[in-house]
Amino acid sequence: MAGGLFKGRVAVVTGGARGIGLACAARIVADGGRAALWDRDLDRARQSAKELKGAIAVEVDVTRAESIDKALGATEQQLAVPDILIASAGITGPNTTLVQYPVDAWRQVIDINLTGVFLCNRALAPAMAKRGWGRIVNIASVAGKEGNPNASAYSASKAGVIGLTKSLGKELATSGVLVNCVAPAVVKTELFSQMTEQHIQYMLSKIPMNRFGEVGEVAELVAWLASPLCTFSTASVFDLSGGRATY
């Protein structure tokens, strides 16, 4: 991609303090954009923002609409009205069978991974549509297509993100706002600490390329979807799975 592809653009990246979110923010900043790292871990977000010229840290709880509204106000005040949303905030939840899955843990995973994406899309899309240009990229997972055993809440939440993306993309199809999602296979991030080793090895065994994805590989695909180069893709799911994807 040519330098300056994101010049004049402002991106909100949820879960931007680390992992896939941080890699996506770094990719946009490297190509001339500015990024607001929205994260519940403000200290880590500030640390990450210091390393990225053109980035700011904003504290947010994506499960609360009032927190998102406050974060959006801070972003508009410090940068500008966002043109791009990358919804990356998420957790894995425990690895256990559905019948043993704790109800509170289920609700937490759905609240962060699905309701959080809904609330952020809902908050940022109107201004994009009003201006006639915007890009929304939601981070889903191949688990949302195939359903990983012992990860029912995570799989269900990511399937929900896929459905939400397709719905909103169709709603905004003539507005100039394109809405897509990326469905990676397992990517090496700090989320590994939330998973059992058995579950990690199960997911690796499903990848024909026999390796985990890298955050930079996700960031490259997200950057294209978030850029002016993406013009005729919306309401779509883009796999990044090392050959695992079956449809």
C-alpha atoms as a PDB file:
ATOM      1  CA  MET A   1       0.000   0.000   0.000  1.00  0.00           C
ATOM      2  CA  ALA A   2       1.240   3.447  -0.817  1.00  0.00           C
ATOM      3  CA  GLY A   3       2.344   5.790   1.924  1.00  0.00           C
ATOM      4  CA  GLY A   4      -0.324   8.143   3.167  1.00  0.00           C
ATOM      5  CA  LEU A   5      -3.229   5.848   2.379  1.00  0.00           C
ATOM      6  CA  PHE A   6      -4.894   6.864   5.662  1.00  0.00           C
ATOM      7  CA  LYS A   7      -3.857  10.523   5.612  1.00  0.00           C
ATOM      8  CA  GLY A   8      -6.597  12.617   7.183  1.00  0.00           C
ATOM      9  CA  ARG A   9      -8.407   9.557   8.520  1.00  0.00           C
ATOM     10  CA  VAL A  10      -9.172   8.832  12.179  1.00  0.00           C
ATOM     11  CA  ALA A  11      -9.664   5.275  13.349  1.00  0.00           C
ATOM     12  CA  VAL A  12     -11.190   3.998  16.566  1.00  0.00           C
ATOM     13  CA  VAL A  13      -9.699   0.641  17.527  1.00  0.00           C
ATOM     14  CA  THR A  14     -11.358  -1.192  20.408  1.00  0.00           C
ATOM     15  CA  GLY A  15      -9.070  -3.485  22.340  1.00  0.00           C
ATOM     16  CA  GLY A  16      -6.358  -1.259  20.910  1.00  0.00           C
ATOM     17  CA  ALA A  17      -3.921  -1.559  23.787  1.00  0.00           C
ATOM     18  CA  ARG A  18      -2.568  -4.940  22.701  1.00  0.00           C
ATOM     19  CA  GLY A  19      -2.755  -7.851  20.290  1.00  0.00           C
ATOM     20  CA  ILE A  20      -4.682  -7.626  17.042  1.00  0.00           C
ATOM     21  CA  GLY A  21      -6.124  -4.218  17.903  1.00  0.00           C
ATOM     22  CA  LEU A  22      -2.719  -2.658  18.504  1.00  0.00           C
ATOM     23  CA  ALA A  23      -1.305  -4.188  15.317  1.00  0.00           C
ATOM     24  CA  CYS A  24      -4.210  -2.740  13.321  1.00  0.00           C
ATOM     25  CA  ALA A  25      -3.753   0.689  14.882  1.00  0.00           C
ATOM     26  CA  ALA A  26      -0.013   0.590  14.171  1.00  0.00           C
ATOM     27  CA  ARG A  27      -0.685  -0.311  10.529  1.00  0.00           C
ATOM     28  CA  ILE A  28      -3.048   2.641  10.080  1.00  0.00           C
ATOM     29  CA  VAL A  29      -0.727   5.103  11.831  1.00  0.00           C
ATOM     30  CA  ALA A  30       2.213   3.880   9.711  1.00  0.00           C
ATOM     31  CA  ASP A  31       0.243   4.851   6.613  1.00  0.00           C
ATOM     32  CA  GLY A  32      -0.550   8.380   7.732  1.00  0.00           C
ATOM     33  CA  GLY A  33      -3.694   7.948   9.842  1.00  0.00           C
ATOM     34  CA  ARG A  34      -4.439   8.702  13.463  1.00  0.00           C
ATOM     35  CA  ALA A  35      -5.850   6.190  15.914  1.00  0.00           C
ATOM     36  CA  ALA A  36      -7.744   6.204  19.194  1.00  0.00           C
ATOM     37  CA  LEU A  37      -6.869   3.130  21.224  1.00  0.00           C
ATOM     38  CA  TRP A  38     -10.061   2.324  23.089  1.00  0.00           C
ATOM     39  CA  ASP A  39      -9.431  -0.107  25.918  1.00  0.00           C
ATOM     40  CA  ARG A  40     -10.536  -0.833  29.467  1.00  0.00           C
ATOM     41  CA  ASP A  41      -6.850  -1.035  30.461  1.00  0.00           C
ATOM     42  CA  LEU A  42      -6.025   2.672  30.241  1.00  0.00           C
ATOM     43  CA  ASP A  43      -2.470   2.315  31.533  1.00  0.00           C
ATOM     44  CA  ARG A  44      -1.602  -0.241  28.872  1.00  0.00           C
ATOM     45  CA  ALA A  45      -3.374   1.831  26.216  1.00  0.00           C
ATOM     46  CA  ARG A  46      -1.335   4.897  27.182  1.00  0.00           C
ATOM     47  CA  GLN A  47       1.856   2.888  27.015  1.00  0.00           C
ATOM     48  CA  SER A  48       0.933   1.615  23.553  1.00  0.00           C
ATOM     49  CA  ALA A  49      -0.136   5.073  22.345  1.00  0.00           C
ATOM     50  CA  LYS A  50       3.263   6.500  23.292  1.00  0.00           C
ATOM     51  CA  GLU A  51       4.867   4.067  20.877  1.00  0.00           C
ATOM     52  CA  LEU A  52       2.616   5.129  17.999  1.00  0.00           C
ATOM     53  CA  LYS A  53       2.957   8.627  16.625  1.00  0.00           C
ATOM     54  CA  GLY A  54      -0.557   9.865  15.978  1.00  0.00           C
ATOM     55  CA  ALA A  55      -2.324   7.684  18.556  1.00  0.00           C
ATOM     56  CA  ILE A  56      -4.207   8.494  21.748  1.00  0.00           C
ATOM     57  CA  ALA A  57      -5.464   6.296  24.583  1.00  0.00           C
ATOM     58  CA  VAL A  58      -9.123   6.360  25.617  1.00  0.00           C
ATOM     59  CA  GLU A  59     -10.640   4.361  28.455  1.00  0.00           C
ATOM     60  CA  VAL A  60     -13.828   2.515  27.563  1.00  0.00           C
ATOM     61  CA  ASP A  61     -16.096  -0.303  28.668  1.00  0.00           C
ATOM     62  CA  VAL A  62     -17.579  -1.570  25.401  1.00  0.00           C
ATOM     63  CA  THR A  63     -20.474  -3.221  27.242  1.00  0.00           C
ATOM     64  CA  ARG A  64     -21.858   0.153  28.364  1.00  0.00           C
ATOM     65  CA  ALA A  65     -23.386   2.602  25.904  1.00  0.00           C
ATOM     66  CA  GLU A  66     -22.673   5.582  28.150  1.00  0.00           C
ATOM     67  CA  SER A  67     -18.987   4.658  28.335  1.00  0.00           C
ATOM     68  CA  ILE A  68     -18.809   4.428  24.535  1.00  0.00           C
ATOM     69  CA  ASP A  69     -20.494   7.829  24.172  1.00  0.00           C
ATOM     70  CA  LYS A  70     -17.935   9.337  26.551  1.00  0.00           C
ATOM     71  CA  ALA A  71     -15.051   7.702  24.676  1.00  0.00           C
ATOM     72  CA  LEU A  72     -16.408   8.945  21.363  1.00  0.00           C
ATOM     73  CA  GLY A  73     -16.658  12.491  22.717  1.00  0.00           C
ATOM     74  CA  ALA A  74     -13.056  12.358  23.932  1.00  0.00           C
ATOM     75  CA  THR A  75     -11.907  11.012  20.561  1.00  0.00           C
ATOM     76  CA  GLU A  76     -13.693  13.742  18.627  1.00  0.00           C
ATOM     77  CA  GLN A  77     -12.249  16.398  20.930  1.00  0.00           C
ATOM     78  CA  GLN A  78      -8.650  15.175  20.738  1.00  0.00           C
ATOM     79  CA  LEU A  79      -8.574  13.972  17.114  1.00  0.00           C
ATOM     80  CA  ALA A  80     -11.694  14.323  14.953  1.00  0.00           C
ATOM     81  CA  VAL A  81     -14.907  12.517  14.106  1.00  0.00           C
ATOM     82  CA  PRO A  82     -13.833   8.917  13.345  1.00  0.00           C
ATOM     83  CA  ASP A  83     -13.903   7.648   9.772  1.00  0.00           C
ATOM     84  CA  ILE A  84     -12.945   4.071  10.669  1.00  0.00           C
ATOM     85  CA  LEU A  85     -13.973   1.603  13.364  1.00  0.00           C
ATOM     86  CA  ILE A  86     -12.044  -1.570  14.045  1.00  0.00           C
ATOM     87  CA  ALA A  87     -13.932  -3.550  16.674  1.00  0.00           C
ATOM     88  CA  SER A  88     -11.319  -5.869  18.130  1.00  0.00           C
ATOM     89  CA  ALA A  89     -12.051  -5.978  21.872  1.00  0.00           C
ATOM     90  CA  GLY A  90     -12.796  -9.506  23.013  1.00  0.00           C
ATOM     91  CA  ILE A  91     -12.174 -12.313  25.490  1.00  0.00           C
ATOM     92  CA  THR A  92     -12.107 -16.078  25.074  1.00  0.00           C
ATOM     93  CA  GLY A  93     -13.996 -17.167  28.183  1.00  0.00           C
ATOM     94  CA  PRO A  94     -13.339 -20.509  29.877  1.00  0.00           C
ATOM     95  CA  ASN A  95     -12.694 -23.736  27.969  1.00  0.00           C
ATOM     96  CA  THR A  96     -15.334 -26.163  29.144  1.00  0.00           C
ATOM     97  CA  THR A  97     -18.363 -28.009  27.852  1.00  0.00           C
ATOM     98  CA  LEU A  98     -21.614 -26.185  27.270  1.00  0.00           C
ATOM     99  CA  VAL A  99     -23.455 -28.061  30.001  1.00  0.00           C
ATOM    100  CA  GLN A 100     -20.764 -27.069  32.495  1.00  0.00           C
ATOM    101  CA  TYR A 101     -20.352 -23.523  31.220  1.00  0.00           C
ATOM    102  CA  PRO A 102     -20.840 -20.943  34.017  1.00  0.00           C
ATOM    103  CA  VAL A 103     -23.800 -18.707  33.269  1.00  0.00           C
ATOM    104  CA  ASP A 104     -21.982 -15.575  34.451  1.00  0.00           C
ATOM    105  CA  ALA A 105     -19.029 -16.364  32.177  1.00  0.00           C
ATOM    106  CA  TRP A 106     -21.392 -16.897  29.243  1.00  0.00           C
ATOM    107  CA  ARG A 107     -22.974 -13.496  29.791  1.00  0.00           C
ATOM    108  CA  GLN A 108     -19.571 -11.798  30.091  1.00  0.00           C
ATOM    109  CA  VAL A 109     -18.315 -13.258  26.803  1.00  0.00           C
ATOM    110  CA  ILE A 110     -21.511 -12.315  24.955  1.00  0.00           C
ATOM    111  CA  ASP A 111     -21.521  -8.835  26.516  1.00  0.00           C
ATOM    112  CA  ILE A 112     -17.953  -8.027  25.473  1.00  0.00           C
ATOM    113  CA  ASN A 113     -17.611  -9.915  22.197  1.00  0.00           C
ATOM    114  CA  LEU A 114     -21.053  -9.346  20.689  1.00  0.00           C
ATOM    115  CA  THR A 115     -22.955  -6.627  22.535  1.00  0.00           C
ATOM    116  CA  GLY A 116     -19.765  -4.563  22.629  1.00  0.00           C
ATOM    117  CA  VAL A 117     -19.448  -4.777  18.846  1.00  0.00           C
ATOM    118  CA  PHE A 118     -23.128  -3.890  18.457  1.00  0.00           C
ATOM    119  CA  LEU A 119     -22.845  -0.834  20.710  1.00  0.00           C
ATOM    120  CA  CYS A 120     -19.691   0.471  19.017  1.00  0.00           C
ATOM    121  CA  ASN A 121     -21.111  -0.046  15.510  1.00  0.00           C
ATOM    122  CA  ARG A 122     -24.338   1.622  16.605  1.00  0.00           C
ATOM    123  CA  ALA A 123     -22.499   4.627  18.063  1.00  0.00           C
ATOM    124  CA  LEU A 124     -20.072   5.322  15.215  1.00  0.00           C
ATOM    125  CA  ALA A 125     -22.012   4.404  12.073  1.00  0.00           C
ATOM    126  CA  PRO A 126     -24.441   7.373  12.012  1.00  0.00           C
ATOM    127  CA  ALA A 127     -21.766  10.069  11.661  1.00  0.00           C
ATOM    128  CA  MET A 128     -19.995   8.041   8.971  1.00  0.00           C
ATOM    129  CA  ALA A 129     -23.220   7.685   6.999  1.00  0.00           C
ATOM    130  CA  LYS A 130     -23.980  11.378   7.403  1.00  0.00           C
ATOM    131  CA  ARG A 131     -20.603  12.283   5.879  1.00  0.00           C
ATOM    132  CA  GLY A 132     -20.974   9.657   3.143  1.00  0.00           C
ATOM    133  CA  TRP A 133     -17.768   7.701   3.902  1.00  0.00           C
ATOM    134  CA  GLY A 134     -16.734   5.185   6.508  1.00  0.00           C
ATOM    135  CA  ARG A 135     -15.202   1.788   7.069  1.00  0.00           C
ATOM    136  CA  ILE A 136     -16.169  -0.643   9.816  1.00  0.00           C
ATOM    137  CA  VAL A 137     -14.156  -3.822  10.328  1.00  0.00           C
ATOM    138  CA  ASN A 138     -15.345  -6.207  13.027  1.00  0.00           C
ATOM    139  CA  ILE A 139     -13.023  -8.939  14.270  1.00  0.00           C
ATOM    140  CA  ALA A 140     -14.868 -12.255  14.214  1.00  0.00           C
ATOM    141  CA  SER A 141     -13.294 -15.734  14.175  1.00  0.00           C
ATOM    142  CA  VAL A 142     -13.356 -18.973  12.231  1.00  0.00           C
ATOM    143  CA  ALA A 143     -14.881 -20.338  15.455  1.00  0.00           C
ATOM    144  CA  GLY A 144     -17.980 -18.344  14.545  1.00  0.00           C
ATOM    145  CA  LYS A 145     -18.318 -20.423  11.375  1.00  0.00           C
ATOM    146  CA  GLU A 146     -17.319 -23.867  12.631  1.00  0.00           C
ATOM    147  CA  GLY A 147     -18.033 -23.798  16.378  1.00  0.00           C
ATOM    148  CA  ASN A 148     -15.075 -24.877  18.499  1.00  0.00           C
ATOM    149  CA  PRO A 149     -15.828 -27.534  21.140  1.00  0.00           C
ATOM    150  CA  ASN A 150     -15.381 -26.352  24.718  1.00  0.00           C
ATOM    151  CA  ALA A 151     -15.762 -22.747  23.553  1.00  0.00           C
ATOM    152  CA  SER A 152     -19.513 -22.376  23.093  1.00  0.00           C
ATOM    153  CA  ALA A 153     -19.789 -18.764  24.273  1.00  0.00           C
ATOM    154  CA  TYR A 154     -16.838 -17.602  22.195  1.00  0.00           C
ATOM    155  CA  SER A 155     -18.078 -19.455  19.104  1.00  0.00           C
ATOM    156  CA  ALA A 156     -21.620 -18.137  19.538  1.00  0.00           C
ATOM    157  CA  SER A 157     -20.425 -14.567  20.104  1.00  0.00           C
ATOM    158  CA  LYS A 158     -18.286 -14.609  16.957  1.00  0.00           C
ATOM    159  CA  ALA A 159     -21.112 -16.144  14.914  1.00  0.00           C
ATOM    160  CA  GLY A 160     -23.182 -13.224  16.159  1.00  0.00           C
ATOM    161  CA  VAL A 161     -20.538 -10.750  14.984  1.00  0.00           C
ATOM    162  CA  ILE A 162     -20.688 -12.309  11.516  1.00  0.00           C
ATOM    163  CA  GLY A 163     -24.483 -11.985  11.410  1.00  0.00           C
ATOM    164  CA  LEU A 164     -24.381  -8.422  12.726  1.00  0.00           C
ATOM    165  CA  THR A 165     -21.796  -7.452  10.108  1.00  0.00           C
ATOM    166  CA  LYS A 166     -23.873  -8.860   7.262  1.00  0.00           C
ATOM    167  CA  SER A 167     -26.987  -7.094   8.513  1.00  0.00           C
ATOM    168  CA  LEU A 168     -25.407  -3.669   9.040  1.00  0.00           C
ATOM    169  CA  GLY A 169     -23.465  -3.890   5.796  1.00  0.00           C
ATOM    170  CA  LYS A 170     -26.704  -4.352   3.872  1.00  0.00           C
ATOM    171  CA  GLU A 171     -28.375  -1.531   5.769  1.00  0.00           C
ATOM    172  CA  LEU A 172     -25.566   0.897   4.891  1.00  0.00           C
ATOM    173  CA  ALA A 173     -24.787  -0.439   1.409  1.00  0.00           C
ATOM    174  CA  THR A 174     -25.679   2.797  -0.417  1.00  0.00           C
ATOM    175  CA  SER A 175     -24.389   5.178   2.258  1.00  0.00           C
ATOM    176  CA  GLY A 176     -20.663   5.079   1.489  1.00  0.00           C
ATOM    177  CA  VAL A 177     -20.020   3.128   4.692  1.00  0.00           C
ATOM    178  CA  LEU A 178     -18.664  -0.373   4.134  1.00  0.00           C
ATOM    179  CA  VAL A 179     -18.998  -2.955   6.905  1.00  0.00           C
ATOM    180  CA  ASN A 180     -16.972  -6.173   6.832  1.00  0.00           C
ATOM    181  CA  CYS A 181     -15.486  -8.629   9.263  1.00  0.00           C
ATOM    182  CA  VAL A 182     -12.374 -10.760   9.441  1.00  0.00           C
ATOM    183  CA  ALA A 183     -12.522 -14.367  10.629  1.00  0.00           C
ATOM    184  CA  PRO A 184      -9.034 -15.455  11.701  1.00  0.00           C
ATOM    185  CA  ALA A 185      -8.017 -18.869  12.877  1.00  0.00           C
ATOM    186  CA  VAL A 186      -6.103 -18.778  16.138  1.00  0.00           C
ATOM    187  CA  VAL A 187      -3.635 -15.886  16.269  1.00  0.00           C
ATOM    188  CA  LYS A 188      -0.757 -15.738  18.704  1.00  0.00           C
ATOM    189  CA  THR A 189      -1.694 -13.052  21.253  1.00  0.00           C
ATOM    190  CA  GLU A 190      -1.992 -12.596  25.012  1.00  0.00           C
ATOM    191  CA  LEU A 191      -5.399 -14.277  24.786  1.00  0.00           C
ATOM    192  CA  PHE A 192      -3.477 -17.557  24.845  1.00  0.00           C
ATOM    193  CA  SER A 193      -3.217 -17.050  28.590  1.00  0.00           C
ATOM    194  CA  GLN A 194      -7.009 -17.432  28.823  1.00  0.00           C
ATOM    195  CA  MET A 195      -7.006 -20.817  27.063  1.00  0.00           C
ATOM    196  CA  THR A 196      -5.987 -24.304  28.105  1.00  0.00           C
ATOM    197  CA  GLU A 197      -2.963 -25.828  26.366  1.00  0.00           C
ATOM    198  CA  GLN A 198      -5.218 -28.636  25.158  1.00  0.00           C
ATOM    199  CA  HIS A 199      -7.521 -26.135  23.447  1.00  0.00           C
ATOM    200  CA  ILE A 200      -4.585 -24.298  21.849  1.00  0.00           C
ATOM    201  CA  GLN A 201      -3.207 -27.529  20.421  1.00  0.00           C
ATOM    202  CA  TYR A 202      -6.682 -28.537  19.156  1.00  0.00           C
ATOM    203  CA  MET A 203      -6.954 -25.274  17.217  1.00  0.00           C
ATOM    204  CA  LEU A 204      -3.435 -25.640  15.814  1.00  0.00           C
ATOM    205  CA  SER A 205      -4.250 -29.152  14.608  1.00  0.00           C
ATOM    206  CA  LYS A 206      -7.088 -27.738  12.465  1.00  0.00           C
ATOM    207  CA  ILE A 207      -4.814 -25.393  10.475  1.00  0.00           C
ATOM    208  CA  PRO A 208      -3.355 -26.968   7.311  1.00  0.00           C
ATOM    209  CA  MET A 209      -0.431 -24.518   7.299  1.00  0.00           C
ATOM    210  CA  ASN A 210       0.445 -25.937  10.735  1.00  0.00           C
ATOM    211  CA  ARG A 211       1.166 -22.613  12.407  1.00  0.00           C
ATOM    212  CA  PHE A 212      -0.620 -19.849  14.243  1.00  0.00           C
ATOM    213  CA  GLY A 213      -1.475 -16.574  12.582  1.00  0.00           C
ATOM    214  CA  GLU A 214       0.467 -13.420  13.377  1.00  0.00           C
ATOM    215  CA  VAL A 215      -1.133 -10.134  14.412  1.00  0.00           C
ATOM    216  CA  GLY A 216       0.612  -8.339  11.557  1.00  0.00           C
ATOM    217  CA  GLU A 217      -1.050 -10.655   9.045  1.00  0.00           C
ATOM    218  CA  VAL A 218      -4.470  -9.751  10.428  1.00  0.00           C
ATOM    219  CA  ALA A 219      -3.556  -6.059  10.384  1.00  0.00           C
ATOM    220  CA  GLU A 220      -2.716  -6.150   6.665  1.00  0.00           C
ATOM    221  CA  LEU A 221      -6.137  -7.533   5.738  1.00  0.00           C
ATOM    222  CA  VAL A 222      -7.916  -5.167   8.111  1.00  0.00           C
ATOM    223  CA  ALA A 223      -5.979  -2.225   6.663  1.00  0.00           C
ATOM    224  CA  TRP A 224      -7.216  -3.005   3.168  1.00  0.00           C
ATOM    225  CA  LEU A 225     -10.809  -3.333   4.362  1.00  0.00           C
ATOM    226  CA  ALA A 226     -10.495  -0.028   6.259  1.00  0.00           C
ATOM    227  CA  SER A 227      -8.968   1.850   3.331  1.00  0.00           C
ATOM    228  CA  PRO A 228     -10.237   3.668   0.229  1.00  0.00           C
ATOM    229  CA  LEU A 229      -8.912   0.715  -1.808  1.00  0.00           C
ATOM    230  CA  CYS A 230     -11.858  -1.357  -0.600  1.00  0.00           C
ATOM    231  CA  THR A 231     -14.801  -0.168  -2.670  1.00  0.00           C
ATOM    232  CA  PHE A 232     -17.107  -3.072  -3.572  1.00  0.00           C
ATOM    233  CA  SER A 233     -16.959  -5.356  -0.537  1.00  0.00           C
ATOM    234  CA  THR A 234     -19.486  -4.957   2.222  1.00  0.00           C
ATOM    235  CA  ALA A 235     -21.504  -7.258   4.497  1.00  0.00           C
ATOM    236  CA  SER A 236     -18.746  -9.814   3.899  1.00  0.00           C
ATOM    237  CA  VAL A 237     -16.545 -12.186   5.897  1.00  0.00           C
ATOM    238  CA  PHE A 238     -12.865 -12.475   5.050  1.00  0.00           C
ATOM    239  CA  ASP A 239     -11.144 -15.646   6.243  1.00  0.00           C
ATOM    240  CA  LEU A 240      -7.585 -15.621   7.529  1.00  0.00           C
ATOM    241  CA  SER A 241      -7.163 -19.198   8.585  1.00  0.00           C
ATOM    242  CA  GLY A 242      -4.105 -20.841   7.056  1.00  0.00           C
ATOM    243  CA  GLY A 243      -6.370 -23.091   5.030  1.00  0.00           C
ATOM    244  CA  ARG A 244      -8.753 -24.082   7.825  1.00  0.00           C
ATOM    245  CA  ALA A 245     -11.814 -22.364   6.371  1.00  0.00           C
ATOM    246  CA  THR A 246     -14.233 -24.723   4.639  1.00  0.00           C
ATOM    247  CA  TYR A 247     -16.751 -22.198   3.266  1.00  0.00           C
END
